[in-house]
Protein backbone atom coordinates (compact mmCIF):
# COMPACT_ATOMS: atom_id res chain seq x y z
CA UNK A 1 170.60 71.20 140.16
CA UNK A 2 171.94 73.69 142.41
CA UNK A 3 171.23 77.70 142.95
CA UNK A 4 173.52 79.20 140.58
CA UNK A 5 172.47 77.01 137.79
CA UNK A 6 168.66 77.64 138.18
CA UNK A 7 169.71 81.44 138.27
CA UNK A 8 171.79 81.16 134.97
CA UNK A 9 168.31 79.40 133.52
CA UNK A 10 166.25 81.94 134.89
CA UNK A 11 168.35 84.73 133.28
CA UNK A 12 168.67 83.78 130.16
CA UNK A 13 164.89 83.08 130.17
CA UNK A 14 164.36 86.53 131.31
CA UNK A 15 166.98 87.83 128.66
CA UNK A 16 165.76 85.46 126.02
CA UNK A 17 162.16 87.34 127.03
CA UNK A 18 163.55 90.66 126.68
CA UNK A 19 165.52 90.23 123.45
CA UNK A 20 162.50 88.96 121.65
CA UNK A 21 160.41 91.99 123.10
CA UNK A 22 162.58 94.52 121.87
CA UNK A 23 163.45 92.51 118.52
CA UNK A 24 160.04 92.56 117.82
CA UNK A 25 159.37 95.85 117.48
CA UNK A 26 162.45 96.33 115.25
CA UNK A 27 161.06 93.79 112.83
CA UNK A 28 157.28 94.84 113.04
CA UNK A 29 156.44 97.61 110.21
CA UNK A 30 154.27 100.34 111.29
CA UNK A 31 153.45 101.29 107.72
CA UNK A 32 150.12 102.42 106.75
CA UNK A 33 147.86 100.14 104.27
CA UNK A 34 147.47 102.12 100.95
CA UNK A 35 144.13 103.00 100.25
CA UNK A 36 143.81 103.58 96.42
CA UNK A 37 141.20 106.21 95.70
CA UNK A 38 139.28 106.04 92.44
CA UNK A 39 137.62 109.00 91.08
CA UNK A 40 133.42 108.90 90.48
CA UNK A 41 132.08 110.21 87.94
CA UNK A 42 128.27 111.04 88.37
CA UNK A 43 126.30 110.04 85.53
CA UNK A 44 124.06 112.65 83.82
CA UNK A 45 120.60 111.98 83.61
CA UNK A 46 119.04 114.26 80.53
CA UNK A 47 114.87 114.78 80.69
CA UNK A 48 113.91 116.38 77.28
CA UNK A 49 110.59 117.80 77.52
CA UNK A 50 109.20 117.55 74.20
CA UNK A 51 105.47 118.83 74.04
CA UNK A 52 102.44 119.03 75.73
CA UNK A 53 99.24 117.53 73.87
CA UNK A 54 96.05 117.11 75.50
CA UNK A 55 96.55 115.40 79.65
CA UNK A 56 99.89 114.54 78.95
CA UNK A 57 103.58 115.24 78.59
CA UNK A 58 105.63 113.99 76.47
CA UNK A 59 109.19 113.33 77.46
CA UNK A 60 112.55 111.74 76.29
CA UNK A 61 114.68 110.55 79.21
CA UNK A 62 118.03 109.23 78.83
CA UNK A 63 120.07 107.73 82.07
CA UNK A 64 119.24 106.70 85.32
CA UNK A 65 116.33 108.33 86.30
CA UNK A 66 113.16 108.33 87.96
CA UNK A 67 109.88 110.58 87.18
CA UNK A 68 107.47 110.25 90.16
CA UNK A 69 104.38 112.77 89.20
CA UNK A 70 100.97 112.26 91.39
CA UNK A 71 101.61 108.33 92.27
CA UNK A 72 102.54 107.31 88.49
CA UNK A 73 106.31 106.42 88.15
CA UNK A 74 108.21 106.01 85.32
CA UNK A 75 111.90 104.92 85.21
CA UNK A 76 114.62 104.24 82.60
CA UNK A 77 115.36 105.33 79.17
CA UNK A 78 112.85 105.93 76.29
CA UNK A 79 110.24 108.20 75.26
CA UNK A 80 107.48 108.14 78.12
CA UNK A 81 103.95 109.69 78.27
CA UNK A 82 103.44 111.55 81.86
CA UNK A 83 99.77 112.51 82.48
CA UNK A 84 99.15 115.87 83.53
CA UNK A 85 96.28 114.85 86.27
CA UNK A 86 95.60 116.67 89.03
CA UNK A 87 97.62 115.85 91.90
CA UNK A 88 95.46 115.24 95.12
CA UNK A 89 95.29 117.40 97.62
CA UNK A 90 92.96 118.97 100.26
CA UNK A 91 91.10 121.30 97.62
CA UNK A 92 90.50 118.80 95.10
CA UNK A 93 89.07 116.19 97.35
CA UNK A 94 86.15 119.19 98.54
CA UNK A 95 83.80 119.28 95.84
CA UNK A 96 81.96 122.31 97.13
CA UNK A 97 84.29 124.49 95.06
CA UNK A 98 83.25 123.40 92.02
CA UNK A 99 79.53 122.27 90.69
CA UNK A 100 80.93 119.87 88.08
CA UNK A 101 83.32 116.75 88.30
CA UNK A 102 84.69 115.62 85.02
CA UNK A 103 86.92 112.30 83.78
CA UNK A 104 89.27 112.76 82.09
CA UNK A 105 89.32 108.85 81.13
CA UNK A 106 85.39 108.87 80.18
CA UNK A 107 85.37 112.20 78.92
CA UNK A 108 82.33 112.60 80.71
CA UNK A 109 80.90 115.01 83.66
CA UNK A 110 78.80 114.72 86.55
CA UNK A 111 77.31 117.15 89.83
CA UNK A 112 79.96 117.08 91.93
CA UNK A 113 77.72 116.30 94.53
CA UNK A 114 77.13 112.76 92.93
CA UNK A 115 78.27 109.27 93.75
CA UNK A 116 79.68 109.32 90.08
CA UNK A 117 82.09 112.33 90.80
CA UNK A 118 83.22 111.05 93.92
CA UNK A 119 83.90 107.64 92.32
CA UNK A 120 86.14 109.26 89.40
CA UNK A 121 89.85 108.65 90.18
CA UNK A 122 91.78 111.60 91.50
CA UNK A 123 94.69 111.53 88.65
CA UNK A 124 91.49 111.75 85.93
CA UNK A 125 89.22 114.10 87.86
CA UNK A 126 88.69 117.70 86.20
CA UNK A 127 86.88 120.31 88.04
CA UNK A 128 84.46 123.07 85.82
CA UNK A 129 82.39 125.86 87.00
CA UNK A 130 79.70 125.86 84.30
CA UNK A 131 78.28 123.41 82.03
CA UNK A 132 79.68 125.20 79.31
CA UNK A 133 82.98 124.95 80.37
CA UNK A 134 82.74 121.60 80.55
CA UNK A 135 81.16 120.83 76.94
CA UNK A 136 84.06 123.25 75.51
CA UNK A 137 86.58 121.46 77.04
CA UNK A 138 85.46 118.34 75.20
CA UNK A 139 83.33 116.59 78.02
CA UNK A 140 79.88 115.32 77.20
CA UNK A 141 77.02 115.63 79.95
CA UNK A 142 75.66 112.63 81.75
CA UNK A 143 71.84 111.78 82.82
CA UNK A 144 72.60 113.43 86.16
CA UNK A 145 73.59 116.78 84.68
CA UNK A 146 70.29 118.97 84.57
């Protein structure tokens, strides 16, 4: 093989590479993929408050909803009874404000400085300023109440 044949092969190789490079640009598509957009319709949840009876709120829930109330959670469809107990805060946890603490679960009341009053779950706590106020609310006095 002489030099002229080597040059021919080199030019043919370079020419083929250049043709391939430019031809690939012609055949490659620059089209952008089409993204199909579907409208999203948010679901509507309906909470229908029916009544407040005693220490509970009665509600009917339809749709995907979660009700959080004072540590209590209700979720899903149907009729629910939601307790209207006191949600704990700084003042509720201090017993000095009220001399008597009632337990809504047992319907009994205690002196607020007693061991039994501190043991009442926060959701069942009710505070009273006088014995008569507690009795009028339907609570019974315990042996510790003087």
